Structures are given as structure tokens and as C-alpha cells.
Amino acid sequence: MDFEAIRGGLERAVPFSAHLGLRIAEVGPGHGVVVLPDDGRLRNYTRTQHAAALFAAGQVAAGAACVGAFAETIADIQPLATRASIEYHHVARGEIVATASVTENAEGLVARLRDEGAVGFPAHVELRDRADRLVAQLAVDWRVTPRGAAGSS
């Protein structure tokens, strides 16, 4: 599977990510990494990374992990985030790296989609600064249906 092509396609597919300057660094089987730049336009009144920018980086990383889990069938599916929650642990300064994972293996997810017609699962994200300090954690629930299925839009 050409995960580099998927990574590039994801960057082009979501203009909002480019608006924030997010860079999708990695996509793999159930794995995604996104870099949130150190950019003054993304800071809050305390001059640290804005909470909304942290959330966006985590959500995009979770999306990359979701797409990576379904890489073999990506053209045939419609992923949709259905719920997300975030916990902030430390103020976020500088560049932030969001690393997401889907714990259920890809083969199991694809089999469940085939057998049940839809599949729901969580992706977990850790956001860390360059000193490797955990600044936030995000959990995103996904629902994947076949492309064009009722309720997939």
C-alpha cells in the first residue's frame, strides 16, 4: 500500500488543515502523525498554542489513523467523526506533534464493515511538545460506512 500517496491526498483533501498550517507527517495502518507549527497566528492570549488549534491537529491525526486503517478500501468508504473529547494537561508552546492510533487491527475493521454494513471505533491521540511533554490527549469516535450508503453523508 502506498501510504505516502494517501498522506499527500489527505493533505490536499482538507483545505482547513492547510489554513492552519497542519502538516500530515505520517499515515500508516491505523496510525497518523500531524505537526502543528509554531505560528503566532495560532496562539491565544497567553501566547501559547490555542486550544482550538490543538484540537484540530488531534482530529486530523485521528482522521489520518482512520484512513490508514482502511487504506486497502479507501476509495469505497466514507469515514465520519461522530464524537470527540480532549483533555489538556500542560500549556502548549512551540511546535506540537499529534500522534494517533486505532487500536483495532485493520483486517478486523474491514471485516466488520463488510459483515455489518457500518463500523464504529475510537482513535486515540497524544499531543506532545518538542520536549516530549504530553500537552493534551484526544479521543475521536469514528463511523465508517460504504461510500454512498444511506446515512454516510
N, C-alpha and C. Protein backbone atom coordinates (compact mmCIF):
# COMPACT_ATOMS: atom_id res chain seq x y z
N MET A 1 0.85 -1.18 0.00
CA MET A 1 0.00 0.00 0.00
C MET A 1 0.89 1.24 0.00
N ASP A 2 0.53 2.23 -0.79
CA ASP A 2 1.30 3.46 -0.92
C ASP A 2 0.77 4.49 0.09
N PHE A 3 1.28 4.41 1.33
CA PHE A 3 0.83 5.33 2.37
C PHE A 3 1.30 6.76 2.12
N GLU A 4 2.37 6.93 1.40
CA GLU A 4 2.83 8.28 1.07
C GLU A 4 1.81 8.97 0.16
N ALA A 5 1.27 8.24 -0.81
CA ALA A 5 0.24 8.81 -1.69
C ALA A 5 -1.02 9.15 -0.88
N ILE A 6 -1.38 8.29 0.06
CA ILE A 6 -2.54 8.56 0.91
C ILE A 6 -2.28 9.81 1.75
N ARG A 7 -1.08 9.92 2.31
CA ARG A 7 -0.73 11.10 3.12
C ARG A 7 -0.88 12.38 2.28
N GLY A 8 -0.33 12.37 1.08
CA GLY A 8 -0.43 13.55 0.22
C GLY A 8 -1.87 13.86 -0.17
N GLY A 9 -2.64 12.81 -0.43
CA GLY A 9 -4.05 13.01 -0.78
C GLY A 9 -4.84 13.61 0.37
N LEU A 10 -4.56 13.17 1.58
CA LEU A 10 -5.24 13.74 2.75
C LEU A 10 -4.91 15.22 2.91
N GLU A 11 -3.65 15.58 2.71
CA GLU A 11 -3.27 16.99 2.84
C GLU A 11 -4.02 17.85 1.84
N ARG A 12 -4.23 17.34 0.62
CA ARG A 12 -4.94 18.11 -0.41
C ARG A 12 -6.46 18.10 -0.19
N ALA A 13 -6.98 17.08 0.46
CA ALA A 13 -8.43 16.88 0.57
C ALA A 13 -9.08 17.77 1.63
N VAL A 14 -8.31 18.28 2.58
CA VAL A 14 -8.90 19.04 3.68
C VAL A 14 -8.26 20.43 3.73
N PRO A 15 -8.85 21.40 3.01
CA PRO A 15 -8.27 22.75 2.96
C PRO A 15 -8.13 23.41 4.33
N PHE A 16 -8.99 23.08 5.28
CA PHE A 16 -8.90 23.69 6.60
C PHE A 16 -7.57 23.36 7.26
N SER A 17 -7.07 22.16 7.05
CA SER A 17 -5.77 21.77 7.61
C SER A 17 -4.67 22.68 7.06
N ALA A 18 -4.71 22.94 5.77
CA ALA A 18 -3.71 23.82 5.16
C ALA A 18 -3.85 25.24 5.71
N HIS A 19 -5.08 25.67 5.95
CA HIS A 19 -5.33 27.00 6.51
C HIS A 19 -4.61 27.17 7.84
N LEU A 20 -4.58 26.11 8.64
CA LEU A 20 -3.91 26.15 9.94
C LEU A 20 -2.42 25.86 9.84
N GLY A 21 -1.98 25.43 8.67
CA GLY A 21 -0.57 25.08 8.51
C GLY A 21 -0.24 23.69 9.03
N LEU A 22 -1.27 22.85 9.24
CA LEU A 22 -1.02 21.50 9.71
C LEU A 22 -0.31 20.69 8.63
N ARG A 23 0.64 19.87 9.05
CA ARG A 23 1.35 19.01 8.12
C ARG A 23 1.13 17.57 8.54
N ILE A 24 0.58 16.78 7.64
CA ILE A 24 0.42 15.35 7.91
C ILE A 24 1.78 14.72 7.64
N ALA A 25 2.43 14.29 8.70
CA ALA A 25 3.79 13.77 8.59
C ALA A 25 3.82 12.28 8.26
N GLU A 26 2.84 11.54 8.77
CA GLU A 26 2.82 10.08 8.56
C GLU A 26 1.39 9.57 8.50
N VAL A 27 1.19 8.57 7.65
CA VAL A 27 -0.03 7.77 7.65
C VAL A 27 0.43 6.33 7.52
N GLY A 28 -0.11 5.48 8.36
CA GLY A 28 0.20 4.05 8.30
C GLY A 28 -1.02 3.27 8.69
N PRO A 29 -0.90 1.96 8.78
CA PRO A 29 -2.05 1.14 9.15
C PRO A 29 -2.55 1.49 10.57
N GLY A 30 -3.63 2.24 10.65
CA GLY A 30 -4.18 2.64 11.95
C GLY A 30 -3.32 3.63 12.69
N HIS A 31 -2.52 4.42 11.97
CA HIS A 31 -1.55 5.33 12.58
C HIS A 31 -1.52 6.64 11.79
N GLY A 32 -1.48 7.77 12.50
CA GLY A 32 -1.36 9.06 11.84
C GLY A 32 -0.60 10.04 12.71
N VAL A 33 0.24 10.85 12.08
CA VAL A 33 1.02 11.87 12.80
C VAL A 33 0.83 13.20 12.09
N VAL A 34 0.51 14.23 12.86
CA VAL A 34 0.30 15.58 12.33
C VAL A 34 1.14 16.55 13.14
N VAL A 35 1.73 17.52 12.44
CA VAL A 35 2.55 18.53 13.10
C VAL A 35 1.80 19.86 13.05
N LEU A 36 1.63 20.46 14.23
CA LEU A 36 1.06 21.79 14.39
C LEU A 36 2.22 22.77 14.50
N PRO A 37 2.33 23.72 13.57
CA PRO A 37 3.50 24.60 13.58
C PRO A 37 3.48 25.60 14.73
N ASP A 38 4.65 26.12 15.02
CA ASP A 38 4.78 27.22 15.97
C ASP A 38 4.56 28.50 15.18
N ASP A 39 3.34 28.98 15.18
CA ASP A 39 2.93 30.12 14.35
C ASP A 39 2.15 31.09 15.22
N GLY A 40 2.58 32.33 15.28
CA GLY A 40 1.93 33.34 16.11
C GLY A 40 0.45 33.50 15.83
N ARG A 41 0.02 33.20 14.60
CA ARG A 41 -1.41 33.32 14.26
C ARG A 41 -2.25 32.25 14.95
N LEU A 42 -1.63 31.23 15.51
CA LEU A 42 -2.36 30.13 16.14
C LEU A 42 -2.33 30.21 17.66
N ARG A 43 -1.85 31.30 18.18
CA ARG A 43 -1.71 31.43 19.64
C ARG A 43 -2.92 32.12 20.27
N ASN A 44 -3.08 31.87 21.55
CA ASN A 44 -4.14 32.51 22.32
C ASN A 44 -3.60 33.74 23.05
N TYR A 45 -4.37 34.28 23.95
CA TYR A 45 -3.98 35.49 24.67
C TYR A 45 -2.78 35.28 25.59
N THR A 46 -2.45 34.05 25.94
CA THR A 46 -1.27 33.77 26.78
C THR A 46 -0.04 33.49 25.92
N ARG A 47 -0.19 33.60 24.61
CA ARG A 47 0.86 33.38 23.63
C ARG A 47 1.34 31.93 23.60
N THR A 48 0.42 31.03 23.92
CA THR A 48 0.67 29.60 23.77
C THR A 48 -0.26 29.08 22.68
N GLN A 49 -0.07 27.85 22.27
CA GLN A 49 -0.91 27.28 21.22
C GLN A 49 -2.37 27.35 21.65
N HIS A 50 -3.21 27.80 20.73
CA HIS A 50 -4.65 27.92 21.01
C HIS A 50 -5.27 26.54 21.15
N ALA A 51 -6.21 26.40 22.08
CA ALA A 51 -6.88 25.12 22.32
C ALA A 51 -7.54 24.58 21.05
N ALA A 52 -8.12 25.46 20.26
CA ALA A 52 -8.79 25.02 19.03
C ALA A 52 -7.79 24.47 18.02
N ALA A 53 -6.60 25.06 17.97
CA ALA A 53 -5.56 24.55 17.06
C ALA A 53 -5.09 23.18 17.52
N LEU A 54 -4.95 22.99 18.82
CA LEU A 54 -4.58 21.68 19.36
C LEU A 54 -5.64 20.64 19.00
N PHE A 55 -6.91 21.01 19.19
CA PHE A 55 -8.00 20.10 18.86
C PHE A 55 -7.96 19.74 17.39
N ALA A 56 -7.77 20.72 16.53
CA ALA A 56 -7.75 20.47 15.08
C ALA A 56 -6.61 19.52 14.72
N ALA A 57 -5.43 19.75 15.28
CA ALA A 57 -4.30 18.86 14.99
C ALA A 57 -4.60 17.44 15.42
N GLY A 58 -5.21 17.28 16.58
CA GLY A 58 -5.56 15.94 17.06
C GLY A 58 -6.61 15.28 16.21
N GLN A 59 -7.61 16.04 15.79
CA GLN A 59 -8.67 15.48 14.96
C GLN A 59 -8.13 15.06 13.60
N VAL A 60 -7.26 15.85 13.02
CA VAL A 60 -6.67 15.49 11.72
C VAL A 60 -5.80 14.25 11.86
N ALA A 61 -5.03 14.15 12.94
CA ALA A 61 -4.22 12.95 13.18
C ALA A 61 -5.11 11.72 13.32
N ALA A 62 -6.22 11.87 14.04
CA ALA A 62 -7.16 10.75 14.19
C ALA A 62 -7.74 10.35 12.85
N GLY A 63 -8.04 11.34 12.02
CA GLY A 63 -8.55 11.06 10.67
C GLY A 63 -7.52 10.31 9.84
N ALA A 64 -6.26 10.70 9.96
CA ALA A 64 -5.20 10.01 9.22
C ALA A 64 -5.08 8.56 9.69
N ALA A 65 -5.20 8.33 10.99
CA ALA A 65 -5.15 6.97 11.51
C ALA A 65 -6.34 6.14 11.02
N CYS A 66 -7.51 6.76 10.98
CA CYS A 66 -8.71 6.09 10.48
C CYS A 66 -8.53 5.70 9.02
N VAL A 67 -8.10 6.65 8.21
CA VAL A 67 -7.89 6.38 6.79
C VAL A 67 -6.82 5.31 6.60
N GLY A 68 -5.77 5.38 7.41
CA GLY A 68 -4.71 4.38 7.33
C GLY A 68 -5.21 2.97 7.63
N ALA A 69 -6.17 2.87 8.55
CA ALA A 69 -6.73 1.56 8.88
C ALA A 69 -7.52 0.97 7.72
N PHE A 70 -8.08 1.84 6.88
CA PHE A 70 -8.90 1.40 5.75
C PHE A 70 -8.20 1.65 4.41
N ALA A 71 -6.88 1.71 4.43
CA ALA A 71 -6.12 2.06 3.23
C ALA A 71 -6.45 1.18 2.03
N GLU A 72 -6.65 -0.09 2.25
CA GLU A 72 -6.92 -1.02 1.13
C GLU A 72 -8.27 -0.74 0.47
N THR A 73 -9.19 -0.14 1.21
CA THR A 73 -10.54 0.08 0.69
C THR A 73 -10.94 1.56 0.70
N ILE A 74 -9.94 2.46 0.76
CA ILE A 74 -10.22 3.87 0.97
C ILE A 74 -11.17 4.47 -0.06
N ALA A 75 -11.10 4.04 -1.29
CA ALA A 75 -11.98 4.60 -2.32
C ALA A 75 -13.43 4.19 -2.14
N ASP A 76 -13.68 3.17 -1.33
CA ASP A 76 -15.02 2.62 -1.18
C ASP A 76 -15.70 2.96 0.13
N ILE A 77 -15.06 3.78 0.97
CA ILE A 77 -15.63 4.05 2.30
C ILE A 77 -15.88 5.53 2.51
N GLN A 78 -16.71 5.82 3.52
CA GLN A 78 -16.98 7.19 3.95
C GLN A 78 -16.77 7.25 5.46
N PRO A 79 -15.63 7.80 5.93
CA PRO A 79 -15.42 7.95 7.38
C PRO A 79 -16.06 9.24 7.88
N LEU A 80 -16.59 9.18 9.09
CA LEU A 80 -17.20 10.36 9.69
C LEU A 80 -16.91 10.35 11.19
N ALA A 81 -16.34 11.43 11.67
CA ALA A 81 -16.14 11.58 13.12
C ALA A 81 -17.49 11.85 13.75
N THR A 82 -17.83 11.09 14.79
CA THR A 82 -19.13 11.24 15.42
C THR A 82 -19.07 11.86 16.81
N ARG A 83 -17.89 11.81 17.43
CA ARG A 83 -17.74 12.41 18.76
C ARG A 83 -16.26 12.58 19.03
N ALA A 84 -15.92 13.61 19.77
CA ALA A 84 -14.54 13.84 20.15
C ALA A 84 -14.48 14.51 21.52
N SER A 85 -13.45 14.19 22.26
CA SER A 85 -13.22 14.86 23.54
C SER A 85 -11.73 15.07 23.70
N ILE A 86 -11.39 16.13 24.42
CA ILE A 86 -9.98 16.47 24.61
C ILE A 86 -9.73 16.78 26.07
N GLU A 87 -8.54 16.41 26.53
CA GLU A 87 -8.07 16.75 27.86
C GLU A 87 -6.76 17.51 27.69
N TYR A 88 -6.68 18.68 28.31
CA TYR A 88 -5.48 19.49 28.24
C TYR A 88 -4.67 19.24 29.52
N HIS A 89 -3.39 18.94 29.36
CA HIS A 89 -2.54 18.61 30.51
C HIS A 89 -1.53 19.71 30.85
N HIS A 90 -0.95 20.33 29.85
CA HIS A 90 0.04 21.40 30.06
C HIS A 90 -0.15 22.45 28.97
N VAL A 91 0.31 23.66 29.24
CA VAL A 91 0.28 24.66 28.19
C VAL A 91 1.17 24.18 27.05
N ALA A 92 0.75 24.50 25.86
CA ALA A 92 1.47 24.02 24.67
C ALA A 92 2.23 25.16 24.04
N ARG A 93 3.54 25.01 24.03
CA ARG A 93 4.40 26.02 23.43
C ARG A 93 5.20 25.39 22.30
N GLY A 94 5.40 26.16 21.25
CA GLY A 94 6.21 25.68 20.14
C GLY A 94 5.46 24.69 19.27
N GLU A 95 6.24 24.03 18.43
CA GLU A 95 5.66 23.03 17.53
C GLU A 95 5.12 21.86 18.35
N ILE A 96 3.96 21.35 17.94
CA ILE A 96 3.30 20.24 18.63
C ILE A 96 3.12 19.09 17.65
N VAL A 97 3.38 17.88 18.12
CA VAL A 97 3.21 16.68 17.30
C VAL A 97 2.04 15.87 17.86
N ALA A 98 1.05 15.62 17.02
CA ALA A 98 -0.13 14.82 17.38
C ALA A 98 0.04 13.43 16.77
N THR A 99 0.04 12.41 17.62
CA THR A 99 0.21 11.03 17.16
C THR A 99 -1.04 10.25 17.52
N ALA A 100 -1.69 9.70 16.49
CA ALA A 100 -2.97 9.00 16.67
C ALA A 100 -2.82 7.52 16.34
N SER A 101 -3.64 6.73 17.03
CA SER A 101 -3.67 5.30 16.72
C SER A 101 -5.08 4.76 16.87
N VAL A 102 -5.36 3.78 16.04
CA VAL A 102 -6.58 2.99 16.11
C VAL A 102 -6.14 1.65 16.65
N THR A 103 -6.69 1.23 17.79
CA THR A 103 -6.18 0.01 18.41
C THR A 103 -6.68 -1.27 17.75
N GLU A 104 -7.86 -1.23 17.16
CA GLU A 104 -8.38 -2.42 16.48
C GLU A 104 -7.64 -2.58 15.15
N ASN A 105 -7.26 -3.82 14.83
CA ASN A 105 -6.49 -4.01 13.60
C ASN A 105 -7.35 -3.79 12.36
N ALA A 106 -6.66 -3.40 11.29
CA ALA A 106 -7.34 -3.03 10.04
C ALA A 106 -8.17 -4.17 9.48
N GLU A 107 -7.64 -5.37 9.51
CA GLU A 107 -8.38 -6.50 8.95
C GLU A 107 -9.70 -6.72 9.68
N GLY A 108 -9.67 -6.57 11.00
CA GLY A 108 -10.90 -6.71 11.79
C GLY A 108 -11.91 -5.63 11.48
N LEU A 109 -11.44 -4.40 11.31
CA LEU A 109 -12.34 -3.30 10.99
C LEU A 109 -12.99 -3.50 9.62
N VAL A 110 -12.18 -3.88 8.63
CA VAL A 110 -12.71 -4.10 7.28
C VAL A 110 -13.71 -5.25 7.29
N ALA A 111 -13.41 -6.30 8.04
CA ALA A 111 -14.33 -7.44 8.13
C ALA A 111 -15.64 -7.03 8.79
N ARG A 112 -15.57 -6.23 9.85
CA ARG A 112 -16.79 -5.76 10.50
C ARG A 112 -17.60 -4.88 9.56
N LEU A 113 -16.94 -4.03 8.80
CA LEU A 113 -17.64 -3.18 7.83
C LEU A 113 -18.36 -4.05 6.81
N ARG A 114 -17.69 -5.04 6.29
CA ARG A 114 -18.27 -5.95 5.30
C ARG A 114 -19.46 -6.72 5.90
N ASP A 115 -19.30 -7.21 7.11
CA ASP A 115 -20.34 -8.05 7.73
C ASP A 115 -21.52 -7.25 8.27
N GLU A 116 -21.25 -6.06 8.80
CA GLU A 116 -22.29 -5.29 9.49
C GLU A 116 -22.80 -4.09 8.69
N GLY A 117 -22.10 -3.71 7.63
CA GLY A 117 -22.52 -2.58 6.81
C GLY A 117 -22.08 -1.22 7.34
N ALA A 118 -21.55 -1.18 8.53
CA ALA A 118 -21.00 0.03 9.14
C ALA A 118 -20.15 -0.42 10.33
N VAL A 119 -19.17 0.41 10.67
CA VAL A 119 -18.33 0.07 11.81
C VAL A 119 -17.98 1.34 12.57
N GLY A 120 -18.04 1.23 13.89
CA GLY A 120 -17.65 2.34 14.75
C GLY A 120 -16.48 1.93 15.61
N PHE A 121 -15.58 2.87 15.88
CA PHE A 121 -14.39 2.57 16.67
C PHE A 121 -13.75 3.89 17.10
N PRO A 122 -12.92 3.85 18.15
CA PRO A 122 -12.23 5.06 18.59
C PRO A 122 -10.81 5.15 18.03
N ALA A 123 -10.34 6.38 17.94
CA ALA A 123 -8.93 6.66 17.70
C ALA A 123 -8.45 7.49 18.89
N HIS A 124 -7.25 7.20 19.34
CA HIS A 124 -6.68 7.91 20.49
C HIS A 124 -5.47 8.72 20.03
N VAL A 125 -5.36 9.94 20.56
CA VAL A 125 -4.32 10.86 20.11
C VAL A 125 -3.58 11.42 21.32
N GLU A 126 -2.27 11.48 21.20
CA GLU A 126 -1.44 12.19 22.16
C GLU A 126 -0.79 13.36 21.45
N LEU A 127 -0.85 14.53 22.07
CA LEU A 127 -0.21 15.73 21.53
C LEU A 127 0.96 16.07 22.45
N ARG A 128 2.15 16.17 21.86
CA ARG A 128 3.37 16.39 22.64
C ARG A 128 4.16 17.55 22.08
N ASP A 129 4.84 18.25 22.98
CA ASP A 129 5.73 19.32 22.53
C ASP A 129 7.09 18.72 22.18
N ARG A 130 8.01 19.58 21.74
CA ARG A 130 9.33 19.08 21.30
C ARG A 130 10.16 18.50 22.44
N ALA A 131 9.82 18.81 23.68
CA ALA A 131 10.48 18.21 24.84
C ALA A 131 9.82 16.88 25.20
N ASP A 132 8.90 16.42 24.38
CA ASP A 132 8.15 15.18 24.56
C ASP A 132 7.21 15.21 25.76
N ARG A 133 6.82 16.42 26.18
CA ARG A 133 5.86 16.56 27.27
C ARG A 133 4.45 16.43 26.71
N LEU A 134 3.63 15.61 27.35
CA LEU A 134 2.23 15.44 26.95
C LEU A 134 1.48 16.72 27.27
N VAL A 135 0.95 17.37 26.22
CA VAL A 135 0.20 18.61 26.43
C VAL A 135 -1.30 18.39 26.36
N ALA A 136 -1.73 17.37 25.62
CA ALA A 136 -3.17 17.09 25.51
C ALA A 136 -3.37 15.67 24.99
N GLN A 137 -4.57 15.15 25.25
CA GLN A 137 -5.00 13.86 24.70
C GLN A 137 -6.38 14.06 24.11
N LEU A 138 -6.61 13.37 23.01
CA LEU A 138 -7.88 13.48 22.31
C LEU A 138 -8.39 12.08 22.03
N ALA A 139 -9.68 11.90 22.14
CA ALA A 139 -10.34 10.65 21.73
C ALA A 139 -11.38 11.01 20.69
N VAL A 140 -11.35 10.33 19.56
CA VAL A 140 -12.29 10.60 18.47
C VAL A 140 -12.97 9.30 18.10
N ASP A 141 -14.30 9.30 18.12
CA ASP A 141 -15.07 8.14 17.67
C ASP A 141 -15.37 8.29 16.19
N TRP A 142 -15.18 7.22 15.45
CA TRP A 142 -15.40 7.20 14.00
C TRP A 142 -16.51 6.23 13.65
N ARG A 143 -17.21 6.56 12.60
CA ARG A 143 -18.19 5.66 11.99
C ARG A 143 -17.82 5.59 10.51
N VAL A 144 -17.61 4.39 10.03
CA VAL A 144 -17.24 4.19 8.64
C VAL A 144 -18.35 3.37 7.97
N THR A 145 -18.80 3.87 6.84
CA THR A 145 -19.82 3.19 6.05
C THR A 145 -19.29 3.08 4.62
N PRO A 146 -19.92 2.22 3.82
CA PRO A 146 -19.55 2.19 2.40
C PRO A 146 -19.91 3.53 1.75
N ARG A 147 -19.09 4.00 0.84
CA ARG A 147 -19.34 5.26 0.14
C ARG A 147 -20.70 5.16 -0.56
N GLY A 148 -21.53 6.20 -0.38
CA GLY A 148 -22.84 6.23 -1.00
C GLY A 148 -23.94 5.53 -0.22
N ALA A 149 -23.60 4.90 0.91
CA ALA A 149 -24.61 4.21 1.71
C ALA A 149 -25.51 5.24 2.40
N ALA A 150 -26.74 4.87 2.65
CA ALA A 150 -27.66 5.76 3.37
C ALA A 150 -27.08 6.10 4.73
N GLY A 151 -27.11 7.37 5.07
CA GLY A 151 -26.61 7.80 6.38
C GLY A 151 -25.12 8.03 6.41
N SER A 152 -24.42 7.95 5.26
CA SER A 152 -22.97 8.15 5.27
C SER A 152 -22.57 9.56 4.97
N SER A 153 -23.52 10.42 4.71
CA SER A 153 -23.14 11.82 4.41
C SER A 153 -23.43 12.72 5.57
